[in-house]
């Protein structure tokens, strides 16, 4: 079974960037990868003067992504209610596409 290290960075603008490295490209001991992959351990990796990086299982990452999706769905519902309360008219999709040259 091939295990990869996935490092997740969240830049200030909120756009997610995922970089994938092969386990063999790191200095992390193989048993650490196995504990994360098979036992669900979470590993905090401290960096000199930098923010820590976490090594988590695919299941933990999937859970975090679901929580993030739920959060943004709730925020979208709030924004829609706010828009409906405002009485403003929606901009037709065709107009938006035309303005964006789509």
N, C-alpha and C. Protein backbone atom coordinates (compact mmCIF):
# COMPACT_ATOMS: atom_id res chain seq x y z
N UNK A 1 0.83 -1.18 0.00
CA UNK A 1 0.00 0.00 0.00
C UNK A 1 0.88 1.24 0.00
N UNK A 2 0.62 2.18 -0.88
CA UNK A 2 1.40 3.40 -0.98
C UNK A 2 0.72 4.48 -0.13
N UNK A 3 1.49 5.13 0.73
CA UNK A 3 0.96 6.20 1.57
C UNK A 3 1.64 7.49 1.15
N UNK A 4 0.86 8.52 0.96
CA UNK A 4 1.40 9.83 0.61
C UNK A 4 1.19 10.79 1.75
N UNK A 5 2.07 11.75 1.87
CA UNK A 5 1.91 12.83 2.83
C UNK A 5 1.22 13.97 2.12
N UNK A 6 0.12 14.42 2.68
CA UNK A 6 -0.59 15.55 2.09
C UNK A 6 -0.48 16.70 3.07
N UNK A 7 0.05 17.80 2.60
CA UNK A 7 0.20 18.99 3.43
C UNK A 7 -0.84 19.99 2.95
N UNK A 8 -1.67 20.45 3.87
CA UNK A 8 -2.75 21.36 3.52
C UNK A 8 -2.41 22.74 4.02
N UNK A 9 -2.37 23.71 3.12
CA UNK A 9 -2.13 25.09 3.47
C UNK A 9 -3.39 25.88 3.19
N UNK A 10 -3.73 26.81 4.05
CA UNK A 10 -4.87 27.68 3.79
C UNK A 10 -4.34 29.11 3.75
N UNK A 11 -4.11 29.63 2.54
CA UNK A 11 -3.61 30.99 2.41
C UNK A 11 -4.61 32.00 2.97
N UNK A 12 -4.16 33.21 3.21
CA UNK A 12 -4.98 34.25 3.80
C UNK A 12 -6.27 34.49 3.02
N UNK A 13 -6.24 34.41 1.71
CA UNK A 13 -7.45 34.68 0.92
C UNK A 13 -8.45 33.53 0.98
N UNK A 14 -8.13 32.45 1.68
CA UNK A 14 -9.06 31.35 1.87
C UNK A 14 -9.00 30.28 0.79
N UNK A 15 -8.25 30.49 -0.25
CA UNK A 15 -8.17 29.49 -1.32
C UNK A 15 -7.29 28.33 -0.85
N UNK A 16 -7.78 27.11 -1.01
CA UNK A 16 -7.06 25.94 -0.52
C UNK A 16 -6.06 25.46 -1.58
N UNK A 17 -4.88 25.17 -1.12
CA UNK A 17 -3.83 24.64 -1.99
C UNK A 17 -3.35 23.34 -1.36
N UNK A 18 -3.40 22.25 -2.08
CA UNK A 18 -2.96 20.97 -1.55
C UNK A 18 -1.73 20.52 -2.33
N UNK A 19 -0.68 20.21 -1.61
CA UNK A 19 0.54 19.70 -2.21
C UNK A 19 0.68 18.25 -1.78
N UNK A 20 0.97 17.37 -2.70
CA UNK A 20 1.13 15.95 -2.39
C UNK A 20 2.59 15.56 -2.53
N UNK A 21 3.11 14.91 -1.51
CA UNK A 21 4.47 14.39 -1.52
C UNK A 21 4.42 12.89 -1.29
N UNK A 22 5.36 12.16 -1.85
CA UNK A 22 5.47 10.73 -1.54
C UNK A 22 6.13 10.61 -0.16
N UNK A 23 5.71 9.61 0.57
CA UNK A 23 6.27 9.40 1.91
C UNK A 23 7.80 9.31 1.86
N UNK A 24 8.32 8.72 0.79
CA UNK A 24 9.77 8.56 0.66
C UNK A 24 10.49 9.90 0.49
N UNK A 25 9.74 10.97 0.19
CA UNK A 25 10.36 12.29 0.03
C UNK A 25 10.45 13.05 1.35
N UNK A 26 9.99 12.44 2.43
CA UNK A 26 10.01 13.09 3.73
C UNK A 26 10.98 12.39 4.66
N UNK A 27 11.23 12.99 5.79
CA UNK A 27 12.07 12.37 6.81
C UNK A 27 11.21 11.81 7.94
N UNK A 28 9.92 11.73 7.72
CA UNK A 28 9.01 11.22 8.74
C UNK A 28 9.13 9.70 8.77
N UNK A 29 9.31 9.13 9.96
CA UNK A 29 9.46 7.67 10.05
C UNK A 29 8.23 6.94 9.52
N UNK A 30 8.43 5.84 8.79
CA UNK A 30 7.31 5.09 8.21
C UNK A 30 6.27 4.65 9.23
N UNK A 31 6.69 4.32 10.47
CA UNK A 31 5.72 3.89 11.47
C UNK A 31 4.76 5.03 11.84
N UNK A 32 5.20 6.27 11.67
CA UNK A 32 4.32 7.41 11.93
C UNK A 32 3.19 7.44 10.90
N UNK A 33 3.54 7.21 9.65
CA UNK A 33 2.51 7.15 8.61
C UNK A 33 1.52 6.03 8.89
N UNK A 34 2.03 4.88 9.32
CA UNK A 34 1.16 3.74 9.60
C UNK A 34 0.22 4.05 10.77
N UNK A 35 0.72 4.71 11.81
CA UNK A 35 -0.15 5.06 12.95
C UNK A 35 -1.25 6.01 12.51
N UNK A 36 -0.93 6.94 11.63
CA UNK A 36 -1.94 7.89 11.13
C UNK A 36 -2.94 7.17 10.24
N UNK A 37 -2.44 6.38 9.29
CA UNK A 37 -3.30 5.73 8.31
C UNK A 37 -4.18 4.64 8.90
N UNK A 38 -3.63 3.86 9.82
CA UNK A 38 -4.36 2.68 10.29
C UNK A 38 -4.94 2.80 11.70
N UNK A 39 -4.38 3.70 12.52
CA UNK A 39 -4.87 3.84 13.89
C UNK A 39 -5.57 5.17 14.12
N UNK A 40 -5.55 6.04 13.11
CA UNK A 40 -6.23 7.32 13.25
C UNK A 40 -5.50 8.33 14.10
N UNK A 41 -4.21 8.09 14.39
CA UNK A 41 -3.44 9.06 15.17
C UNK A 41 -3.35 10.38 14.41
N UNK A 42 -3.15 11.44 15.15
CA UNK A 42 -2.91 12.77 14.56
C UNK A 42 -1.52 13.20 15.02
N UNK A 43 -0.74 13.72 14.10
CA UNK A 43 0.65 14.08 14.41
C UNK A 43 0.84 15.56 14.15
N UNK A 44 1.36 16.25 15.16
CA UNK A 44 1.70 17.67 15.03
C UNK A 44 3.19 17.74 14.70
N UNK A 45 3.51 18.42 13.60
CA UNK A 45 4.90 18.56 13.16
C UNK A 45 5.29 20.01 13.39
N UNK A 46 6.25 20.22 14.29
CA UNK A 46 6.69 21.57 14.60
C UNK A 46 7.81 21.97 13.65
N UNK A 47 7.75 23.23 13.24
CA UNK A 47 8.75 23.75 12.31
C UNK A 47 9.45 24.93 12.97
N UNK A 48 10.73 25.06 12.72
CA UNK A 48 11.50 26.16 13.32
C UNK A 48 10.88 27.51 12.99
N UNK A 49 10.31 28.14 13.99
CA UNK A 49 9.78 29.48 13.81
C UNK A 49 8.51 29.55 12.97
N UNK A 50 8.01 28.45 12.48
CA UNK A 50 6.83 28.48 11.63
C UNK A 50 5.63 27.87 12.32
N UNK A 51 4.50 28.00 11.67
CA UNK A 51 3.29 27.38 12.20
C UNK A 51 3.42 25.87 12.09
N UNK A 52 2.84 25.14 13.04
CA UNK A 52 2.92 23.69 12.95
C UNK A 52 2.09 23.16 11.79
N UNK A 53 2.44 21.98 11.36
CA UNK A 53 1.72 21.27 10.29
C UNK A 53 1.20 19.99 10.92
N UNK A 54 0.03 19.54 10.50
CA UNK A 54 -0.56 18.35 11.08
C UNK A 54 -0.68 17.25 10.03
N UNK A 55 -0.39 16.05 10.46
CA UNK A 55 -0.55 14.87 9.62
C UNK A 55 -1.78 14.15 10.16
N UNK A 56 -2.82 14.06 9.32
CA UNK A 56 -4.08 13.43 9.75
C UNK A 56 -4.48 12.38 8.73
N UNK A 57 -5.36 11.50 9.16
CA UNK A 57 -5.82 10.43 8.28
C UNK A 57 -6.76 10.97 7.22
N UNK A 58 -6.97 10.18 6.19
CA UNK A 58 -7.89 10.55 5.13
C UNK A 58 -9.30 10.72 5.70
N UNK A 59 -9.66 9.89 6.68
CA UNK A 59 -10.98 9.99 7.31
C UNK A 59 -11.14 11.31 8.05
N UNK A 60 -10.09 11.72 8.79
CA UNK A 60 -10.15 13.01 9.49
C UNK A 60 -10.27 14.16 8.49
N UNK A 61 -9.52 14.09 7.41
CA UNK A 61 -9.58 15.14 6.39
C UNK A 61 -10.98 15.20 5.78
N UNK A 62 -11.58 14.04 5.50
CA UNK A 62 -12.94 14.01 4.94
C UNK A 62 -13.93 14.63 5.92
N UNK A 63 -13.77 14.34 7.21
CA UNK A 63 -14.65 14.93 8.22
C UNK A 63 -14.49 16.45 8.27
N UNK A 64 -13.26 16.92 8.25
CA UNK A 64 -13.02 18.37 8.25
C UNK A 64 -13.65 19.03 7.02
N UNK A 65 -13.54 18.38 5.87
CA UNK A 65 -14.13 18.94 4.65
C UNK A 65 -15.66 18.96 4.75
N UNK A 66 -16.26 17.94 5.34
CA UNK A 66 -17.72 17.92 5.53
C UNK A 66 -18.15 19.05 6.46
N UNK A 67 -17.40 19.24 7.55
CA UNK A 67 -17.71 20.32 8.48
C UNK A 67 -17.60 21.69 7.80
N UNK A 68 -16.56 21.84 6.98
CA UNK A 68 -16.39 23.08 6.23
C UNK A 68 -17.55 23.29 5.26
N UNK A 69 -17.97 22.24 4.55
CA UNK A 69 -19.10 22.34 3.63
C UNK A 69 -20.37 22.73 4.38
N UNK A 70 -20.59 22.12 5.54
CA UNK A 70 -21.78 22.43 6.34
C UNK A 70 -21.77 23.90 6.78
N UNK A 71 -20.59 24.36 7.22
CA UNK A 71 -20.46 25.75 7.65
C UNK A 71 -20.83 26.70 6.51
N UNK A 72 -20.26 26.46 5.31
CA UNK A 72 -20.51 27.36 4.19
C UNK A 72 -21.95 27.26 3.69
N UNK A 73 -22.57 26.08 3.82
CA UNK A 73 -23.98 25.93 3.44
C UNK A 73 -24.84 26.80 4.37
N UNK A 74 -24.53 26.78 5.66
CA UNK A 74 -25.28 27.61 6.63
C UNK A 74 -25.06 29.09 6.34
N UNK A 75 -23.83 29.46 6.04
CA UNK A 75 -23.54 30.86 5.70
C UNK A 75 -24.31 31.28 4.45
N UNK A 76 -24.40 30.38 3.48
CA UNK A 76 -25.15 30.66 2.25
C UNK A 76 -26.63 30.86 2.54
N UNK A 77 -27.20 30.03 3.43
CA UNK A 77 -28.60 30.18 3.81
C UNK A 77 -28.85 31.53 4.47
N UNK A 78 -27.93 31.92 5.37
CA UNK A 78 -28.05 33.22 6.04
C UNK A 78 -28.01 34.36 5.02
N UNK A 79 -27.08 34.27 4.07
CA UNK A 79 -26.94 35.31 3.06
C UNK A 79 -28.19 35.38 2.19
N UNK A 80 -28.77 34.22 1.85
CA UNK A 80 -29.98 34.20 1.04
C UNK A 80 -31.14 34.84 1.79
N UNK A 81 -31.30 34.53 3.06
CA UNK A 81 -32.36 35.14 3.87
C UNK A 81 -32.18 36.66 3.93
N UNK A 82 -30.94 37.07 4.13
CA UNK A 82 -30.63 38.50 4.18
C UNK A 82 -30.99 39.17 2.86
N UNK A 83 -30.65 38.52 1.75
CA UNK A 83 -30.95 39.06 0.43
C UNK A 83 -32.46 39.15 0.24
N UNK A 84 -33.19 38.10 0.61
CA UNK A 84 -34.64 38.10 0.46
C UNK A 84 -35.29 39.20 1.29
N UNK A 85 -34.76 39.45 2.49
CA UNK A 85 -35.27 40.52 3.35
C UNK A 85 -35.03 41.90 2.74
N UNK A 86 -33.93 42.03 2.03
CA UNK A 86 -33.54 43.34 1.50
C UNK A 86 -34.49 43.84 0.42
N UNK A 87 -35.19 42.93 -0.24
CA UNK A 87 -36.10 43.33 -1.31
C UNK A 87 -35.40 43.63 -2.63
N UNK A 88 -34.10 43.45 -2.66
CA UNK A 88 -33.37 43.70 -3.91
C UNK A 88 -33.76 42.66 -4.95
N UNK A 89 -33.59 43.02 -6.20
CA UNK A 89 -33.87 42.10 -7.30
C UNK A 89 -32.59 41.33 -7.65
N UNK A 90 -32.77 40.08 -7.97
CA UNK A 90 -31.63 39.25 -8.37
C UNK A 90 -31.15 39.67 -9.75
N UNK A 91 -29.85 39.54 -9.97
CA UNK A 91 -29.28 39.82 -11.29
C UNK A 91 -29.46 38.56 -12.12
N UNK A 92 -30.07 38.65 -13.29
CA UNK A 92 -30.26 37.46 -14.12
C UNK A 92 -28.93 36.80 -14.48
N UNK A 93 -28.92 35.47 -14.43
CA UNK A 93 -27.73 34.69 -14.73
C UNK A 93 -27.16 35.03 -16.10
N UNK A 94 -28.03 35.23 -17.08
CA UNK A 94 -27.57 35.55 -18.44
C UNK A 94 -26.78 36.85 -18.44
N UNK A 95 -27.21 37.82 -17.64
CA UNK A 95 -26.50 39.11 -17.58
C UNK A 95 -25.12 38.92 -16.94
N UNK A 96 -25.06 38.12 -15.88
CA UNK A 96 -23.77 37.86 -15.23
C UNK A 96 -22.80 37.18 -16.19
N UNK A 97 -23.29 36.15 -16.91
CA UNK A 97 -22.44 35.45 -17.87
C UNK A 97 -21.96 36.41 -18.95
N UNK A 98 -22.83 37.28 -19.43
CA UNK A 98 -22.45 38.23 -20.48
C UNK A 98 -21.36 39.18 -19.97
N UNK A 99 -21.53 39.67 -18.73
CA UNK A 99 -20.54 40.58 -18.15
C UNK A 99 -19.19 39.91 -17.96
N UNK A 100 -19.21 38.61 -17.68
CA UNK A 100 -17.97 37.86 -17.49
C UNK A 100 -17.42 37.29 -18.79
N UNK A 101 -18.15 37.49 -19.88
CA UNK A 101 -17.70 36.98 -21.17
C UNK A 101 -17.79 35.47 -21.27
N UNK A 102 -18.77 34.89 -20.62
CA UNK A 102 -18.93 33.43 -20.66
C UNK A 102 -19.98 33.01 -21.66
